[in-house]
C-alpha atoms as a PDB file:
ATOM      1  CA  UNK A   1       5.989  31.216  19.726  1.00  0.00           C
ATOM      2  CA  UNK A   2       4.097  27.635  19.432  1.00  0.00           C
ATOM      3  CA  UNK A   3       5.846  24.480  19.063  1.00  0.00           C
ATOM      4  CA  UNK A   4       4.507  23.969  15.372  1.00  0.00           C
ATOM      5  CA  UNK A   5       5.879  27.453  14.218  1.00  0.00           C
ATOM      6  CA  UNK A   6       9.486  26.659  15.719  1.00  0.00           C
ATOM      7  CA  UNK A   7       8.880  23.706  13.145  1.00  0.00           C
ATOM      8  CA  UNK A   8       7.524  24.505   9.826  1.00  0.00           C
ATOM      9  CA  UNK A   9       7.599  28.538   9.798  1.00  0.00           C
ATOM     10  CA  UNK A  10       9.938  30.059   8.026  1.00  0.00           C
ATOM     11  CA  UNK A  11       8.943  33.181  10.150  1.00  0.00           C
ATOM     12  CA  UNK A  12      10.970  31.783  13.399  1.00  0.00           C
ATOM     13  CA  UNK A  13      10.717  35.099  15.455  1.00  0.00           C
ATOM     14  CA  UNK A  14      13.540  33.900  17.863  1.00  0.00           C
ATOM     15  CA  UNK A  15      16.008  34.284  15.052  1.00  0.00           C
ATOM     16  CA  UNK A  16      17.440  37.911  13.399  1.00  0.00           C
ATOM     17  CA  UNK A  17      16.787  35.881  10.103  1.00  0.00           C
ATOM     18  CA  UNK A  18      13.243  34.939  10.513  1.00  0.00           C
ATOM     19  CA  UNK A  19      12.346  38.166  12.147  1.00  0.00           C
ATOM     20  CA  UNK A  20      13.623  40.259   9.215  1.00  0.00           C
ATOM     21  CA  UNK A  21      11.424  37.595   6.776  1.00  0.00           C
ATOM     22  CA  UNK A  22       8.372  38.157   9.051  1.00  0.00           C
ATOM     23  CA  UNK A  23       8.927  42.183   8.460  1.00  0.00           C
ATOM     24  CA  UNK A  24       9.499  41.485   4.855  1.00  0.00           C
ATOM     25  CA  UNK A  25       6.058  39.689   4.578  1.00  0.00           C
ATOM     26  CA  UNK A  26       4.003  42.168   6.452  1.00  0.00           C
ATOM     27  CA  UNK A  27       5.367  45.334   4.878  1.00  0.00           C
ATOM     28  CA  UNK A  28       6.041  44.285   1.088  1.00  0.00           C
ATOM     29  CA  UNK A  29       3.921  40.734   0.278  1.00  0.00           C
ATOM     30  CA  UNK A  30       0.886  41.688   2.942  1.00  0.00           C
ATOM     31  CA  UNK A  31       1.342  45.399   1.444  1.00  0.00           C
ATOM     32  CA  UNK A  32       1.606  47.006   5.380  1.00  0.00           C
ATOM     33  CA  UNK A  33       3.492  49.837   3.815  1.00  0.00           C
ATOM     34  CA  UNK A  34      -0.114  51.063   2.102  1.00  0.00           C
ATOM     35  CA  UNK A  35      -1.584  50.673   5.920  1.00  0.00           C
ATOM     36  CA  UNK A  36       1.297  52.385   7.714  1.00  0.00           C
ATOM     37  CA  UNK A  37      -0.281  55.828   8.345  1.00  0.00           C
ATOM     38  CA  UNK A  38      -4.064  54.255   7.798  1.00  0.00           C
ATOM     39  CA  UNK A  39      -5.582  51.851   9.971  1.00  0.00           C
ATOM     40  CA  UNK A  40      -9.461  52.160   8.765  1.00  0.00           C
ATOM     41  CA  UNK A  41     -10.444  52.262  12.383  1.00  0.00           C
ATOM     42  CA  UNK A  42     -13.770  52.939  12.896  1.00  0.00           C
ATOM     43  CA  UNK A  43     -16.234  52.504  16.400  1.00  0.00           C
ATOM     44  CA  UNK A  44     -18.945  50.142  15.599  1.00  0.00           C
ATOM     45  CA  UNK A  45     -20.715  50.408  19.034  1.00  0.00           C
ATOM     46  CA  UNK A  46     -18.220  53.267  20.973  1.00  0.00           C
ATOM     47  CA  UNK A  47     -16.021  52.034  23.667  1.00  0.00           C
ATOM     48  CA  UNK A  48     -17.217  48.778  23.131  1.00  0.00           C
ATOM     49  CA  UNK A  49     -16.362  47.253  19.369  1.00  0.00           C
ATOM     50  CA  UNK A  50     -14.076  48.672  16.692  1.00  0.00           C
ATOM     51  CA  UNK A  51     -13.004  47.607  13.172  1.00  0.00           C
ATOM     52  CA  UNK A  52      -9.692  48.233  11.189  1.00  0.00           C
ATOM     53  CA  UNK A  53      -7.543  46.561   9.094  1.00  0.00           C
ATOM     54  CA  UNK A  54      -4.314  44.090   9.782  1.00  0.00           C
ATOM     55  CA  UNK A  55      -2.329  45.527  12.749  1.00  0.00           C
ATOM     56  CA  UNK A  56       1.292  45.955  12.467  1.00  0.00           C
ATOM     57  CA  UNK A  57       2.720  45.095  16.375  1.00  0.00           C
ATOM     58  CA  UNK A  58       3.100  49.165  16.901  1.00  0.00           C
ATOM     59  CA  UNK A  59      -0.666  48.857  16.115  1.00  0.00           C
ATOM     60  CA  UNK A  60      -0.997  46.023  18.568  1.00  0.00           C
ATOM     61  CA  UNK A  61       0.628  48.257  21.082  1.00  0.00           C
ATOM     62  CA  UNK A  62      -1.437  51.772  20.280  1.00  0.00           C
ATOM     63  CA  UNK A  63      -4.621  48.993  20.870  1.00  0.00           C
ATOM     64  CA  UNK A  64      -3.390  47.715  23.735  1.00  0.00           C
ATOM     65  CA  UNK A  65      -3.033  50.913  25.248  1.00  0.00           C
ATOM     66  CA  UNK A  66      -6.428  52.145  24.038  1.00  0.00           C
ATOM     67  CA  UNK A  67      -7.975  49.504  26.608  1.00  0.00           C
ATOM     68  CA  UNK A  68      -8.437  46.801  23.774  1.00  0.00           C
ATOM     69  CA  UNK A  69      -9.022  43.472  25.522  1.00  0.00           C
ATOM     70  CA  UNK A  70      -9.732  40.964  22.711  1.00  0.00           C
ATOM     71  CA  UNK A  71      -8.423  41.052  19.095  1.00  0.00           C
ATOM     72  CA  UNK A  72     -10.687  39.044  16.700  1.00  0.00           C
ATOM     73  CA  UNK A  73      -8.472  37.952  13.418  1.00  0.00           C
ATOM     74  CA  UNK A  74     -11.163  37.536  10.842  1.00  0.00           C
ATOM     75  CA  UNK A  75      -7.978  36.386   8.398  1.00  0.00           C
ATOM     76  CA  UNK A  76      -7.755  33.206  10.517  1.00  0.00           C
ATOM     77  CA  UNK A  77      -4.376  31.391  11.096  1.00  0.00           C
ATOM     78  CA  UNK A  78      -1.744  30.899   8.672  1.00  0.00           C
ATOM     79  CA  UNK A  79       1.956  30.963   8.159  1.00  0.00           C
ATOM     80  CA  UNK A  80       3.186  34.269   7.546  1.00  0.00           C
ATOM     81  CA  UNK A  81       5.290  36.817   8.805  1.00  0.00           C
ATOM     82  CA  UNK A  82       1.881  39.128   9.759  1.00  0.00           C
ATOM     83  CA  UNK A  83       0.101  36.642  11.812  1.00  0.00           C
ATOM     84  CA  UNK A  84       2.872  35.502  13.911  1.00  0.00           C
ATOM     85  CA  UNK A  85       4.168  39.094  14.846  1.00  0.00           C
ATOM     86  CA  UNK A  86       0.179  40.204  15.361  1.00  0.00           C
ATOM     87  CA  UNK A  87       0.340  36.896  17.631  1.00  0.00           C
ATOM     88  CA  UNK A  88       3.581  37.928  19.513  1.00  0.00           C
ATOM     89  CA  UNK A  89       2.675  41.296  20.069  1.00  0.00           C
ATOM     90  CA  UNK A  90      -0.921  40.207  21.784  1.00  0.00           C
ATOM     91  CA  UNK A  91       0.818  37.925  23.856  1.00  0.00           C
ATOM     92  CA  UNK A  92       3.360  40.675  24.744  1.00  0.00           C
ATOM     93  CA  UNK A  93       0.977  43.470  25.677  1.00  0.00           C
ATOM     94  CA  UNK A  94      -2.042  40.908  27.045  1.00  0.00           C
ATOM     95  CA  UNK A  95      -4.651  41.033  24.126  1.00  0.00           C
ATOM     96  CA  UNK A  96      -6.870  38.004  23.797  1.00  0.00           C
ATOM     97  CA  UNK A  97      -5.898  37.194  19.751  1.00  0.00           C
ATOM     98  CA  UNK A  98      -9.149  34.902  18.348  1.00  0.00           C
ATOM     99  CA  UNK A  99      -8.961  33.420  14.722  1.00  0.00           C
ATOM    100  CA  UNK A 100     -12.338  33.596  13.272  1.00  0.00           C
ATOM    101  CA  UNK A 101     -12.016  33.372   9.633  1.00  0.00           C
ATOM    102  CA  UNK A 102     -14.585  34.964   7.457  1.00  0.00           C
ATOM    103  CA  UNK A 103     -14.626  35.512   3.664  1.00  0.00           C
ATOM    104  CA  UNK A 104     -15.306  38.385   1.153  1.00  0.00           C
ATOM    105  CA  UNK A 105     -15.650  36.717  -1.986  1.00  0.00           C
ATOM    106  CA  UNK A 106     -18.050  34.150  -0.435  1.00  0.00           C
ATOM    107  CA  UNK A 107     -21.445  34.324   1.677  1.00  0.00           C
ATOM    108  CA  UNK A 108     -20.796  33.148   5.347  1.00  0.00           C
ATOM    109  CA  UNK A 109     -21.627  29.810   6.312  1.00  0.00           C
ATOM    110  CA  UNK A 110     -23.974  28.675   8.975  1.00  0.00           C
ATOM    111  CA  UNK A 111     -21.150  27.758  11.273  1.00  0.00           C
ATOM    112  CA  UNK A 112     -19.372  31.219  10.533  1.00  0.00           C
ATOM    113  CA  UNK A 113     -22.569  32.904  11.721  1.00  0.00           C
ATOM    114  CA  UNK A 114     -23.076  30.709  14.685  1.00  0.00           C
ATOM    115  CA  UNK A 115     -19.303  31.120  15.788  1.00  0.00           C
ATOM    116  CA  UNK A 116     -19.804  35.137  15.333  1.00  0.00           C
ATOM    117  CA  UNK A 117     -22.886  35.088  17.826  1.00  0.00           C
ATOM    118  CA  UNK A 118     -21.049  32.851  20.063  1.00  0.00           C
ATOM    119  CA  UNK A 119     -17.873  35.069  20.426  1.00  0.00           C
ATOM    120  CA  UNK A 120     -20.128  38.110  20.848  1.00  0.00           C
ATOM    121  CA  UNK A 121     -21.578  36.753  24.000  1.00  0.00           C
ATOM    122  CA  UNK A 122     -17.984  35.371  25.445  1.00  0.00           C
ATOM    123  CA  UNK A 123     -15.333  37.663  24.500  1.00  0.00           C
ATOM    124  CA  UNK A 124     -14.058  40.172  26.572  1.00  0.00           C
ATOM    125  CA  UNK A 125     -14.626  43.645  25.572  1.00  0.00           C
ATOM    126  CA  UNK A 126     -13.331  46.257  24.441  1.00  0.00           C
ATOM    127  CA  UNK A 127     -12.712  44.468  21.145  1.00  0.00           C
ATOM    128  CA  UNK A 128     -11.548  45.231  17.475  1.00  0.00           C
ATOM    129  CA  UNK A 129     -12.123  43.181  14.771  1.00  0.00           C
ATOM    130  CA  UNK A 130      -9.733  43.254  11.620  1.00  0.00           C
ATOM    131  CA  UNK A 131      -9.113  41.665   7.989  1.00  0.00           C
ATOM    132  CA  UNK A 132      -6.765  42.720   5.742  1.00  0.00           C
ATOM    133  CA  UNK A 133      -8.031  46.289   4.498  1.00  0.00           C
ATOM    134  CA  UNK A 134     -10.896  46.422   7.230  1.00  0.00           C
ATOM    135  CA  UNK A 135     -13.270  46.477   4.439  1.00  0.00           C
ATOM    136  CA  UNK A 136     -15.232  43.537   3.422  1.00  0.00           C
ATOM    137  CA  UNK A 137     -14.863  40.569   5.983  1.00  0.00           C
ATOM    138  CA  UNK A 138     -14.692  43.250   8.399  1.00  0.00           C
ATOM    139  CA  UNK A 139     -17.699  44.674   7.189  1.00  0.00           C
ATOM    140  CA  UNK A 140     -19.651  41.416   7.268  1.00  0.00           C
ATOM    141  CA  UNK A 141     -18.699  40.430  10.849  1.00  0.00           C
ATOM    142  CA  UNK A 142     -19.564  44.387  11.956  1.00  0.00           C
ATOM    143  CA  UNK A 143     -22.942  43.503  10.145  1.00  0.00           C
ATOM    144  CA  UNK A 144     -23.814  40.415  12.738  1.00  0.00           C
ATOM    145  CA  UNK A 145     -22.283  41.965  15.703  1.00  0.00           C
ATOM    146  CA  UNK A 146     -24.748  45.569  14.953  1.00  0.00           C
ATOM    147  CA  UNK A 147     -27.506  42.752  14.804  1.00  0.00           C
ATOM    148  CA  UNK A 148     -26.563  39.859  17.240  1.00  0.00           C
ATOM    149  CA  UNK A 149     -24.639  42.416  19.995  1.00  0.00           C
ATOM    150  CA  UNK A 150     -26.718  45.887  19.794  1.00  0.00           C
ATOM    151  CA  UNK A 151     -30.021  44.104  18.499  1.00  0.00           C
ATOM    152  CA  UNK A 152     -30.438  46.326  15.085  1.00  0.00           C
ATOM    153  CA  UNK A 153     -32.000  44.864  12.071  1.00  0.00           C
ATOM    154  CA  UNK A 154     -30.406  43.643   9.314  1.00  0.00           C
ATOM    155  CA  UNK A 155     -31.534  46.350   7.115  1.00  0.00           C
ATOM    156  CA  UNK A 156     -30.121  49.056   9.376  1.00  0.00           C
ATOM    157  CA  UNK A 157     -26.618  46.732  10.747  1.00  0.00           C
ATOM    158  CA  UNK A 158     -26.093  46.581   6.729  1.00  0.00           C
ATOM    159  CA  UNK A 159     -24.450  50.329   6.736  1.00  0.00           C
ATOM    160  CA  UNK A 160     -21.647  48.838   7.499  1.00  0.00           C
ATOM    161  CA  UNK A 161     -20.939  47.655   4.310  1.00  0.00           C
ATOM    162  CA  UNK A 162     -20.516  50.903   2.583  1.00  0.00           C
ATOM    163  CA  UNK A 163     -17.803  53.032   0.787  1.00  0.00           C
ATOM    164  CA  UNK A 164     -16.944  54.975   3.917  1.00  0.00           C
ATOM    165  CA  UNK A 165     -14.885  51.567   5.136  1.00  0.00           C
ATOM    166  CA  UNK A 166     -13.764  50.783   1.488  1.00  0.00           C
ATOM    167  CA  UNK A 167     -16.296  48.052   0.953  1.00  0.00           C
ATOM    168  CA  UNK A 168     -16.766  48.061  -2.741  1.00  0.00           C
ATOM    169  CA  UNK A 169     -20.200  45.830  -3.886  1.00  0.00           C
ATOM    170  CA  UNK A 170     -19.833  46.271  -7.775  1.00  0.00           C
ATOM    171  CA  UNK A 171     -17.285  43.424  -7.783  1.00  0.00           C
ATOM    172  CA  UNK A 172     -17.174  39.988  -6.051  1.00  0.00           C
ATOM    173  CA  UNK A 173     -17.397  41.548  -2.766  1.00  0.00           C
ATOM    174  CA  UNK A 174     -20.826  42.376  -3.468  1.00  0.00           C
ATOM    175  CA  UNK A 175     -21.603  38.616  -2.211  1.00  0.00           C
ATOM    176  CA  UNK A 176     -21.664  39.785   0.959  1.00  0.00           C
ATOM    177  CA  UNK A 177     -24.147  42.639   0.295  1.00  0.00           C
ATOM    178  CA  UNK A 178     -26.134  40.185  -1.849  1.00  0.00           C
ATOM    179  CA  UNK A 179     -26.158  37.528   1.517  1.00  0.00           C
ATOM    180  CA  UNK A 180     -28.266  40.217   3.540  1.00  0.00           C
ATOM    181  CA  UNK A 181     -30.442  41.039   0.496  1.00  0.00           C
ATOM    182  CA  UNK A 182     -31.487  37.939   0.127  1.00  0.00           C
ATOM    183  CA  UNK A 183     -32.343  37.308   3.760  1.00  0.00           C
ATOM    184  CA  UNK A 184     -34.685  40.595   3.674  1.00  0.00           C
ATOM    185  CA  UNK A 185     -36.256  39.494   0.265  1.00  0.00           C
ATOM    186  CA  UNK A 186     -36.989  36.041   1.342  1.00  0.00           C
ATOM    187  CA  UNK A 187     -38.552  37.313   4.738  1.00  0.00           C
ATOM    188  CA  UNK A 188     -40.331  40.824   3.542  1.00  0.00           C
ATOM    189  CA  UNK A 189     -43.221  38.640   4.278  1.00  0.00           C
ATOM    190  CA  UNK A 190     -43.033  36.286   7.245  1.00  0.00           C
ATOM    191  CA  UNK A 191     -40.765  38.555   9.135  1.00  0.00           C
ATOM    192  CA  UNK A 192     -38.852  35.449  10.068  1.00  0.00           C
ATOM    193  CA  UNK A 193     -35.639  36.830  12.313  1.00  0.00           C
ATOM    194  CA  UNK A 194     -32.224  36.429  10.888  1.00  0.00           C
ATOM    195  CA  UNK A 195     -30.917  33.594  12.598  1.00  0.00           C
ATOM    196  CA  UNK A 196     -33.894  31.424  12.335  1.00  0.00           C
ATOM    197  CA  UNK A 197     -34.143  32.233   8.570  1.00  0.00           C
ATOM    198  CA  UNK A 198     -30.001  31.417   8.845  1.00  0.00           C
ATOM    199  CA  UNK A 199     -30.791  28.195  10.851  1.00  0.00           C
ATOM    200  CA  UNK A 200     -33.978  26.842   8.667  1.00  0.00           C
ATOM    201  CA  UNK A 201     -33.829  28.619   5.202  1.00  0.00           C
ATOM    202  CA  UNK A 202     -30.385  29.875   4.194  1.00  0.00           C
ATOM    203  CA  UNK A 203     -28.892  27.637   0.962  1.00  0.00           C
ATOM    204  CA  UNK A 204     -25.378  28.947   0.705  1.00  0.00           C
ATOM    205  CA  UNK A 205     -24.618  27.345  -2.646  1.00  0.00           C
ATOM    206  CA  UNK A 206     -28.174  28.669  -3.711  1.00  0.00           C
ATOM    207  CA  UNK A 207     -27.423  32.428  -2.733  1.00  0.00           C
ATOM    208  CA  UNK A 208     -23.504  32.165  -4.257  1.00  0.00           C
ATOM    209  CA  UNK A 209     -24.806  30.651  -7.626  1.00  0.00           C
ATOM    210  CA  UNK A 210     -27.369  33.785  -7.626  1.00  0.00           C
ATOM    211  CA  UNK A 211     -25.074  36.384  -6.996  1.00  0.00           C
ATOM    212  CA  UNK A 212     -22.705  34.594  -9.663  1.00  0.00           C
ATOM    213  CA  UNK A 213     -25.508  34.661 -12.098  1.00  0.00           C
ATOM    214  CA  UNK A 214     -26.296  38.378 -11.779  1.00  0.00           C
ATOM    215  CA  UNK A 215     -22.402  39.489 -11.927  1.00  0.00           C
ATOM    216  CA  UNK A 216     -21.530  37.495 -15.237  1.00  0.00           C
ATOM    217  CA  UNK A 217     -24.925  39.371 -16.723  1.00  0.00           C
ATOM    218  CA  UNK A 218     -23.695  42.534 -15.643  1.00  0.00           C
ATOM    219  CA  UNK A 219     -20.295  42.042 -16.669  1.00  0.00           C
ATOM    220  CA  UNK A 220     -22.057  41.012 -20.015  1.00  0.00           C
ATOM    221  CA  UNK A 221     -24.138  43.771 -20.118  1.00  0.00           C
ATOM    222  CA  UNK A 222     -21.752  46.802 -19.075  1.00  0.00           C
ATOM    223  CA  UNK A 223     -18.341  45.372 -20.235  1.00  0.00           C
ATOM    224  CA  UNK A 224     -18.933  43.271 -23.051  1.00  0.00           C
ATOM    225  CA  UNK A 225     -21.970  44.915 -24.846  1.00  0.00           C
ATOM    226  CA  UNK A 226     -21.052  48.745 -23.818  1.00  0.00           C
ATOM    227  CA  UNK A 227     -24.325  48.901 -22.646  1.00  0.00           C
ATOM    228  CA  UNK A 228     -25.445  51.097 -19.207  1.00  0.00           C
END
């Protein structure tokens, strides 16, 4: 446990009360009880990279026994019970835990995409990435992995964003799908590579604004005007 946690956190794992609060936060506040028998685990690249939902300490132990060397926490660092319990479990089982925050209702930033590419080139494998449900943030990162690490075109890698993984594109999480679709549409003629488009042409604010315009239009038509 870090000095920062000892000074600021309500989830001091060195005390029985702090550990109880951490377990309650994991199970009830973070809905861990829904994940007790369902990990949403899938291999992205067999034996190399996998995706899943938020792991409990028991799940971390299981992943360690499967040989995983690295866990990418796509939720980012936070003063929560689930975070401290995961970090403690990773330390106990010799798994490197790396915080790499992504978003489920925002298109990724240039910096996030650069960091993802760098991580895929430097982390120790086998590795596992997770967010809360393993559907949205894990989905966008899985697309990036299949493109950067496996060499698949974005059009094929985007299959990682599907209902199979519990990703629903009809809601605001469809922002992620729209981001990749924008790349494909804008480069249909010039065939510019994904990373070149990101570095040279991508405007996050513009993509978000365009998606929200379409999203609200769909709400107006489908929900308010009751039209198909």
